[in-house]
Amino acid sequence: MKTTTIILTALLILLSACSTKADLAIAGEWELVSYGDTSNPTSALTDVDTSIIFGKDGKLNGNVGCNSFGGEYKLNNNEIVFGAIFSTLMFCEAVSSQESMVLGILSDKSVTFQIDENLLTITSADGASTITLARK
């Protein structure tokens, strides 16, 4: 019985260490650099605070220029699986297309991601759209 408990505890610690490493790679605050068509992304609007915070606890939140949002996420290798994303519903014409694109990608249930130094690229499930974020 003690051996089984020790083995299960060791396995749990090992699995926790693996997910913690992945979570740490994405955890933190990121600022929008570009968004849109994967082959021809649009630069983020200047002077518009658009940031996403990925918490170590599997929660995310941020601001897409006009509206705040939040939700939950899980990492699975190079995929991010999002739970339901909620946001405020104010209309700000100057940032509406940027907000729609960013929230649209985050509303995909599963997206791929890649981290290259201080840049995080999130690509939609169909590969057509992307957002690039820089670590703050």
N, C-alpha and C. Protein backbone atom coordinates (compact mmCIF):
# COMPACT_ATOMS: atom_id res chain seq x y z
N MET A 1 0.83 -1.20 0.00
CA MET A 1 0.00 0.00 0.00
C MET A 1 0.87 1.25 0.00
N LYS A 2 1.94 1.25 0.83
CA LYS A 2 2.83 2.41 0.88
C LYS A 2 3.53 2.60 -0.45
N THR A 3 3.93 1.50 -1.09
CA THR A 3 4.63 1.57 -2.37
C THR A 3 3.72 2.19 -3.43
N THR A 4 2.47 1.78 -3.45
CA THR A 4 1.51 2.33 -4.41
C THR A 4 1.32 3.82 -4.18
N THR A 5 1.20 4.23 -2.94
CA THR A 5 1.04 5.65 -2.61
C THR A 5 2.26 6.45 -3.04
N ILE A 6 3.45 5.92 -2.80
CA ILE A 6 4.68 6.61 -3.18
C ILE A 6 4.77 6.74 -4.70
N ILE A 7 4.44 5.66 -5.42
CA ILE A 7 4.49 5.69 -6.89
C ILE A 7 3.47 6.69 -7.43
N LEU A 8 2.26 6.68 -6.92
CA LEU A 8 1.23 7.62 -7.38
C LEU A 8 1.62 9.06 -7.07
N THR A 9 2.20 9.30 -5.91
CA THR A 9 2.65 10.65 -5.55
C THR A 9 3.76 11.10 -6.49
N ALA A 10 4.72 10.23 -6.76
CA ALA A 10 5.81 10.57 -7.67
C ALA A 10 5.29 10.87 -9.07
N LEU A 11 4.34 10.07 -9.54
CA LEU A 11 3.75 10.28 -10.86
C LEU A 11 3.01 11.61 -10.91
N LEU A 12 2.28 11.93 -9.88
CA LEU A 12 1.55 13.19 -9.81
C LEU A 12 2.51 14.37 -9.84
N ILE A 13 3.59 14.29 -9.10
CA ILE A 13 4.60 15.36 -9.10
C ILE A 13 5.23 15.50 -10.47
N LEU A 14 5.54 14.38 -11.11
CA LEU A 14 6.13 14.41 -12.45
C LEU A 14 5.18 15.06 -13.45
N LEU A 15 3.91 14.68 -13.43
CA LEU A 15 2.93 15.28 -14.34
C LEU A 15 2.73 16.76 -14.05
N SER A 16 2.74 17.13 -12.79
CA SER A 16 2.60 18.54 -12.42
C SER A 16 3.77 19.34 -12.94
N ALA A 17 4.97 18.80 -12.86
CA ALA A 17 6.16 19.49 -13.33
C ALA A 17 6.09 19.73 -14.82
N CYS A 18 5.58 18.77 -15.59
CA CYS A 18 5.47 18.93 -17.04
C CYS A 18 4.50 20.04 -17.39
N SER A 19 3.33 20.05 -16.79
CA SER A 19 2.36 21.09 -17.12
C SER A 19 2.81 22.45 -16.61
N THR A 20 3.52 22.49 -15.49
CA THR A 20 4.02 23.76 -14.97
C THR A 20 5.01 24.38 -15.94
N LYS A 21 5.88 23.58 -16.53
CA LYS A 21 6.85 24.09 -17.49
C LYS A 21 6.15 24.72 -18.69
N ALA A 22 5.13 24.03 -19.22
CA ALA A 22 4.38 24.58 -20.35
C ALA A 22 3.62 25.83 -19.94
N ASP A 23 2.99 25.79 -18.77
CA ASP A 23 2.24 26.94 -18.29
C ASP A 23 3.15 28.15 -18.10
N LEU A 24 4.36 27.92 -17.59
CA LEU A 24 5.29 29.03 -17.37
C LEU A 24 5.73 29.67 -18.68
N ALA A 25 5.79 28.90 -19.76
CA ALA A 25 6.21 29.45 -21.05
C ALA A 25 5.22 30.51 -21.55
N ILE A 26 3.96 30.31 -21.29
CA ILE A 26 2.94 31.23 -21.81
C ILE A 26 2.43 32.20 -20.74
N ALA A 27 2.64 31.87 -19.48
CA ALA A 27 2.13 32.69 -18.38
C ALA A 27 2.72 34.10 -18.43
N GLY A 28 1.88 35.07 -18.15
CA GLY A 28 2.32 36.46 -18.10
C GLY A 28 1.47 37.34 -18.97
N GLU A 29 1.92 38.58 -19.10
CA GLU A 29 1.17 39.58 -19.86
C GLU A 29 1.80 39.77 -21.24
N TRP A 30 0.93 39.79 -22.24
CA TRP A 30 1.34 39.91 -23.63
C TRP A 30 0.60 41.07 -24.29
N GLU A 31 1.29 41.79 -25.16
CA GLU A 31 0.72 42.95 -25.86
C GLU A 31 0.57 42.63 -27.34
N LEU A 32 -0.56 43.02 -27.92
CA LEU A 32 -0.84 42.74 -29.33
C LEU A 32 0.13 43.47 -30.24
N VAL A 33 0.73 42.73 -31.18
CA VAL A 33 1.64 43.28 -32.19
C VAL A 33 0.94 43.33 -33.54
N SER A 34 0.28 42.22 -33.92
CA SER A 34 -0.42 42.16 -35.20
C SER A 34 -1.55 41.14 -35.12
N TYR A 35 -2.43 41.18 -36.11
CA TYR A 35 -3.59 40.29 -36.14
C TYR A 35 -4.08 40.16 -37.57
N GLY A 36 -4.87 39.13 -37.82
CA GLY A 36 -5.54 39.01 -39.11
C GLY A 36 -5.08 37.83 -39.93
N ASP A 37 -5.14 38.01 -41.25
CA ASP A 37 -4.78 36.98 -42.21
C ASP A 37 -3.36 36.49 -41.95
N THR A 38 -3.19 35.19 -41.86
CA THR A 38 -1.89 34.59 -41.55
C THR A 38 -0.82 35.03 -42.54
N SER A 39 -1.17 35.15 -43.81
CA SER A 39 -0.17 35.51 -44.81
C SER A 39 0.08 37.01 -44.91
N ASN A 40 -0.81 37.82 -44.35
CA ASN A 40 -0.66 39.28 -44.43
C ASN A 40 -1.30 39.94 -43.21
N PRO A 41 -0.70 39.77 -42.02
CA PRO A 41 -1.32 40.33 -40.81
C PRO A 41 -1.29 41.86 -40.79
N THR A 42 -2.23 42.43 -40.05
CA THR A 42 -2.35 43.87 -39.88
C THR A 42 -1.66 44.26 -38.58
N SER A 43 -0.90 45.35 -38.61
CA SER A 43 -0.25 45.83 -37.38
C SER A 43 -1.31 46.30 -36.39
N ALA A 44 -1.06 46.05 -35.12
CA ALA A 44 -1.97 46.50 -34.07
C ALA A 44 -2.06 48.02 -34.08
N LEU A 45 -3.21 48.53 -33.71
CA LEU A 45 -3.40 49.97 -33.63
C LEU A 45 -2.46 50.56 -32.58
N THR A 46 -1.85 51.68 -32.92
CA THR A 46 -0.97 52.33 -31.96
C THR A 46 -1.80 53.07 -30.92
N ASP A 47 -1.26 53.26 -29.76
CA ASP A 47 -1.93 53.97 -28.67
C ASP A 47 -3.23 53.31 -28.21
N VAL A 48 -3.38 52.02 -28.48
CA VAL A 48 -4.54 51.27 -28.03
C VAL A 48 -4.02 50.11 -27.20
N ASP A 49 -4.35 50.10 -25.92
CA ASP A 49 -3.88 49.04 -25.04
C ASP A 49 -4.64 47.76 -25.31
N THR A 50 -3.99 46.83 -25.97
CA THR A 50 -4.57 45.53 -26.22
C THR A 50 -3.62 44.49 -25.64
N SER A 51 -4.02 43.91 -24.53
CA SER A 51 -3.13 42.96 -23.87
C SER A 51 -3.91 41.76 -23.34
N ILE A 52 -3.19 40.64 -23.24
CA ILE A 52 -3.75 39.40 -22.74
C ILE A 52 -2.85 38.91 -21.62
N ILE A 53 -3.46 38.51 -20.53
CA ILE A 53 -2.71 37.95 -19.41
C ILE A 53 -3.11 36.49 -19.26
N PHE A 54 -2.14 35.60 -19.44
CA PHE A 54 -2.34 34.18 -19.22
C PHE A 54 -1.86 33.87 -17.81
N GLY A 55 -2.77 33.49 -16.94
CA GLY A 55 -2.40 33.17 -15.57
C GLY A 55 -1.86 31.76 -15.45
N LYS A 56 -1.04 31.53 -14.45
CA LYS A 56 -0.51 30.19 -14.18
C LYS A 56 -1.62 29.24 -13.74
N ASP A 57 -2.75 29.81 -13.35
CA ASP A 57 -3.87 29.02 -12.85
C ASP A 57 -4.85 28.59 -13.94
N GLY A 58 -4.51 28.84 -15.22
CA GLY A 58 -5.38 28.44 -16.31
C GLY A 58 -6.46 29.45 -16.64
N LYS A 59 -6.36 30.64 -16.09
CA LYS A 59 -7.32 31.71 -16.40
C LYS A 59 -6.62 32.76 -17.27
N LEU A 60 -7.38 33.39 -18.15
CA LEU A 60 -6.85 34.49 -18.93
C LEU A 60 -7.80 35.66 -18.85
N ASN A 61 -7.24 36.85 -19.03
CA ASN A 61 -8.05 38.06 -19.07
C ASN A 61 -7.27 39.11 -19.81
N GLY A 62 -7.92 40.20 -20.11
CA GLY A 62 -7.23 41.28 -20.79
C GLY A 62 -8.18 42.33 -21.29
N ASN A 63 -7.66 43.14 -22.19
CA ASN A 63 -8.41 44.23 -22.79
C ASN A 63 -8.08 44.23 -24.27
N VAL A 64 -9.08 44.31 -25.10
CA VAL A 64 -8.86 44.30 -26.55
C VAL A 64 -9.04 45.69 -27.16
N GLY A 65 -8.80 46.71 -26.37
CA GLY A 65 -8.85 48.08 -26.86
C GLY A 65 -10.00 48.87 -26.28
N CYS A 66 -11.15 48.28 -26.26
CA CYS A 66 -12.34 48.94 -25.73
C CYS A 66 -13.00 48.06 -24.67
N ASN A 67 -13.00 46.78 -24.91
CA ASN A 67 -13.69 45.83 -24.03
C ASN A 67 -12.71 44.94 -23.27
N SER A 68 -13.10 44.63 -22.05
CA SER A 68 -12.34 43.68 -21.24
C SER A 68 -12.91 42.29 -21.51
N PHE A 69 -12.08 41.26 -21.31
CA PHE A 69 -12.53 39.90 -21.52
C PHE A 69 -11.86 38.97 -20.52
N GLY A 70 -12.35 37.75 -20.45
CA GLY A 70 -11.75 36.75 -19.58
C GLY A 70 -12.24 35.37 -19.95
N GLY A 71 -11.65 34.38 -19.32
CA GLY A 71 -12.02 33.00 -19.58
C GLY A 71 -10.99 32.05 -19.00
N GLU A 72 -11.02 30.82 -19.48
CA GLU A 72 -10.09 29.80 -19.02
C GLU A 72 -9.41 29.18 -20.22
N TYR A 73 -8.23 28.61 -19.97
CA TYR A 73 -7.48 27.92 -21.02
C TYR A 73 -6.72 26.75 -20.43
N LYS A 74 -6.38 25.80 -21.31
CA LYS A 74 -5.50 24.68 -20.97
C LYS A 74 -4.51 24.54 -22.10
N LEU A 75 -3.29 24.15 -21.75
CA LEU A 75 -2.27 23.88 -22.75
C LEU A 75 -2.19 22.39 -23.01
N ASN A 76 -2.05 22.04 -24.27
CA ASN A 76 -1.89 20.65 -24.68
C ASN A 76 -0.84 20.63 -25.78
N ASN A 77 0.42 20.40 -25.41
CA ASN A 77 1.55 20.48 -26.33
C ASN A 77 1.59 21.87 -26.95
N ASN A 78 1.41 22.00 -28.26
CA ASN A 78 1.45 23.32 -28.89
C ASN A 78 0.05 23.87 -29.15
N GLU A 79 -0.93 23.37 -28.41
CA GLU A 79 -2.30 23.84 -28.55
C GLU A 79 -2.75 24.55 -27.28
N ILE A 80 -3.61 25.53 -27.48
CA ILE A 80 -4.32 26.15 -26.37
C ILE A 80 -5.79 25.80 -26.57
N VAL A 81 -6.39 25.21 -25.55
CA VAL A 81 -7.80 24.88 -25.60
C VAL A 81 -8.51 25.88 -24.67
N PHE A 82 -9.38 26.70 -25.26
CA PHE A 82 -10.08 27.73 -24.51
C PHE A 82 -11.43 27.24 -24.03
N GLY A 83 -11.81 27.67 -22.84
CA GLY A 83 -13.18 27.52 -22.38
C GLY A 83 -13.97 28.69 -22.96
N ALA A 84 -15.16 28.91 -22.46
CA ALA A 84 -15.96 30.04 -22.93
C ALA A 84 -15.26 31.35 -22.59
N ILE A 85 -15.21 32.26 -23.56
CA ILE A 85 -14.62 33.58 -23.38
C ILE A 85 -15.77 34.56 -23.20
N PHE A 86 -15.70 35.39 -22.18
CA PHE A 86 -16.73 36.41 -21.97
C PHE A 86 -16.08 37.78 -22.15
N SER A 87 -16.87 38.76 -22.55
CA SER A 87 -16.34 40.12 -22.69
C SER A 87 -17.45 41.13 -22.44
N THR A 88 -17.00 42.36 -22.14
CA THR A 88 -17.96 43.45 -22.06
C THR A 88 -18.42 43.75 -23.48
N LEU A 89 -19.46 44.52 -23.64
CA LEU A 89 -20.07 44.70 -24.95
C LEU A 89 -20.18 46.17 -25.38
N MET A 90 -19.18 46.97 -25.06
CA MET A 90 -19.20 48.36 -25.51
C MET A 90 -18.82 48.40 -26.99
N PHE A 91 -19.31 49.40 -27.70
CA PHE A 91 -18.94 49.55 -29.11
C PHE A 91 -18.01 50.75 -29.25
N CYS A 92 -16.85 50.50 -29.80
CA CYS A 92 -15.87 51.55 -30.07
C CYS A 92 -15.44 51.38 -31.52
N GLU A 93 -15.99 52.20 -32.38
CA GLU A 93 -15.80 52.04 -33.82
C GLU A 93 -14.34 51.96 -34.24
N ALA A 94 -13.48 52.76 -33.65
CA ALA A 94 -12.08 52.83 -34.07
C ALA A 94 -11.32 51.52 -33.88
N VAL A 95 -11.75 50.69 -32.94
CA VAL A 95 -11.02 49.45 -32.66
C VAL A 95 -11.87 48.20 -32.92
N SER A 96 -13.04 48.35 -33.49
CA SER A 96 -13.97 47.22 -33.59
C SER A 96 -13.44 46.07 -34.42
N SER A 97 -12.76 46.33 -35.53
CA SER A 97 -12.28 45.20 -36.34
C SER A 97 -11.14 44.48 -35.64
N GLN A 98 -10.26 45.23 -34.96
CA GLN A 98 -9.17 44.61 -34.21
C GLN A 98 -9.74 43.74 -33.08
N GLU A 99 -10.70 44.28 -32.36
CA GLU A 99 -11.33 43.52 -31.27
C GLU A 99 -12.01 42.26 -31.79
N SER A 100 -12.74 42.39 -32.88
CA SER A 100 -13.46 41.24 -33.44
C SER A 100 -12.50 40.12 -33.82
N MET A 101 -11.39 40.48 -34.45
CA MET A 101 -10.42 39.47 -34.88
C MET A 101 -9.78 38.78 -33.68
N VAL A 102 -9.32 39.55 -32.70
CA VAL A 102 -8.65 38.97 -31.53
C VAL A 102 -9.62 38.08 -30.76
N LEU A 103 -10.82 38.58 -30.48
CA LEU A 103 -11.79 37.77 -29.73
C LEU A 103 -12.25 36.57 -30.55
N GLY A 104 -12.30 36.73 -31.87
CA GLY A 104 -12.68 35.60 -32.73
C GLY A 104 -11.70 34.45 -32.61
N ILE A 105 -10.40 34.75 -32.62
CA ILE A 105 -9.39 33.69 -32.48
C ILE A 105 -9.45 33.09 -31.08
N LEU A 106 -9.60 33.93 -30.06
CA LEU A 106 -9.67 33.41 -28.69
C LEU A 106 -10.94 32.61 -28.46
N SER A 107 -11.95 32.81 -29.27
CA SER A 107 -13.21 32.07 -29.13
C SER A 107 -13.17 30.72 -29.82
N ASP A 108 -12.13 30.48 -30.66
CA ASP A 108 -11.93 29.13 -31.20
C ASP A 108 -11.72 28.21 -30.00
N LYS A 109 -12.22 27.04 -30.04
CA LYS A 109 -12.05 26.13 -28.90
C LYS A 109 -10.62 25.62 -28.80
N SER A 110 -9.93 25.51 -29.93
CA SER A 110 -8.56 25.00 -29.91
C SER A 110 -7.76 25.75 -30.97
N VAL A 111 -6.63 26.31 -30.56
CA VAL A 111 -5.75 27.02 -31.48
C VAL A 111 -4.33 26.50 -31.26
N THR A 112 -3.46 26.76 -32.21
CA THR A 112 -2.06 26.40 -32.01
C THR A 112 -1.30 27.65 -31.59
N PHE A 113 -0.18 27.42 -30.91
CA PHE A 113 0.64 28.56 -30.52
C PHE A 113 2.11 28.20 -30.68
N GLN A 114 2.90 29.26 -30.83
CA GLN A 114 4.35 29.11 -30.93
C GLN A 114 4.97 30.29 -30.21
N ILE A 115 5.99 30.01 -29.41
CA ILE A 115 6.73 31.07 -28.73
C ILE A 115 8.13 31.13 -29.32
N ASP A 116 8.50 32.31 -29.79
CA ASP A 116 9.83 32.54 -30.34
C ASP A 116 10.42 33.72 -29.58
N GLU A 117 11.28 33.41 -28.63
CA GLU A 117 11.85 34.41 -27.71
C GLU A 117 10.72 35.12 -26.99
N ASN A 118 10.50 36.42 -27.27
CA ASN A 118 9.46 37.17 -26.57
C ASN A 118 8.22 37.40 -27.42
N LEU A 119 8.02 36.59 -28.46
CA LEU A 119 6.84 36.70 -29.30
C LEU A 119 6.00 35.43 -29.19
N LEU A 120 4.71 35.61 -29.03
CA LEU A 120 3.76 34.51 -28.95
C LEU A 120 2.83 34.65 -30.16
N THR A 121 2.79 33.62 -30.99
CA THR A 121 1.90 33.62 -32.15
C THR A 121 0.82 32.58 -31.92
N ILE A 122 -0.43 33.02 -32.02
CA ILE A 122 -1.59 32.15 -31.86
C ILE A 122 -2.29 32.09 -33.20
N THR A 123 -2.50 30.87 -33.69
CA THR A 123 -3.11 30.67 -35.01
C THR A 123 -4.44 29.96 -34.85
N SER A 124 -5.43 30.44 -35.58
CA SER A 124 -6.78 29.87 -35.51
C SER A 124 -6.76 28.40 -35.92
N ALA A 125 -7.82 27.70 -35.56
CA ALA A 125 -7.93 26.27 -35.84
C ALA A 125 -7.82 25.96 -37.33
N ASP A 126 -8.35 26.84 -38.17
CA ASP A 126 -8.29 26.59 -39.61
C ASP A 126 -7.01 27.12 -40.26
N GLY A 127 -6.14 27.78 -39.46
CA GLY A 127 -4.87 28.27 -39.97
C GLY A 127 -4.96 29.57 -40.77
N ALA A 128 -6.15 30.12 -40.91
CA ALA A 128 -6.31 31.31 -41.74
C ALA A 128 -6.01 32.62 -41.01
N SER A 129 -6.17 32.64 -39.70
CA SER A 129 -6.00 33.87 -38.93
C SER A 129 -4.98 33.69 -37.83
N THR A 130 -4.34 34.79 -37.48
CA THR A 130 -3.31 34.73 -36.44
C THR A 130 -3.29 36.02 -35.63
N ILE A 131 -2.83 35.92 -34.41
CA ILE A 131 -2.49 37.10 -33.62
C ILE A 131 -1.08 36.89 -33.10
N THR A 132 -0.30 37.95 -33.13
CA THR A 132 1.07 37.91 -32.59
C THR A 132 1.12 38.87 -31.43
N LEU A 133 1.70 38.39 -30.33
CA LEU A 133 1.79 39.16 -29.10
C LEU A 133 3.24 39.22 -28.65
N ALA A 134 3.61 40.33 -28.03
CA ALA A 134 4.95 40.48 -27.47
C ALA A 134 4.83 40.47 -25.96
N ARG A 135 5.78 39.80 -25.32
CA ARG A 135 5.77 39.75 -23.86
C ARG A 135 6.00 41.15 -23.31
N LYS A 136 5.17 41.54 -22.34
CA LYS A 136 5.32 42.87 -21.70
C LYS A 136 6.34 42.80 -20.61
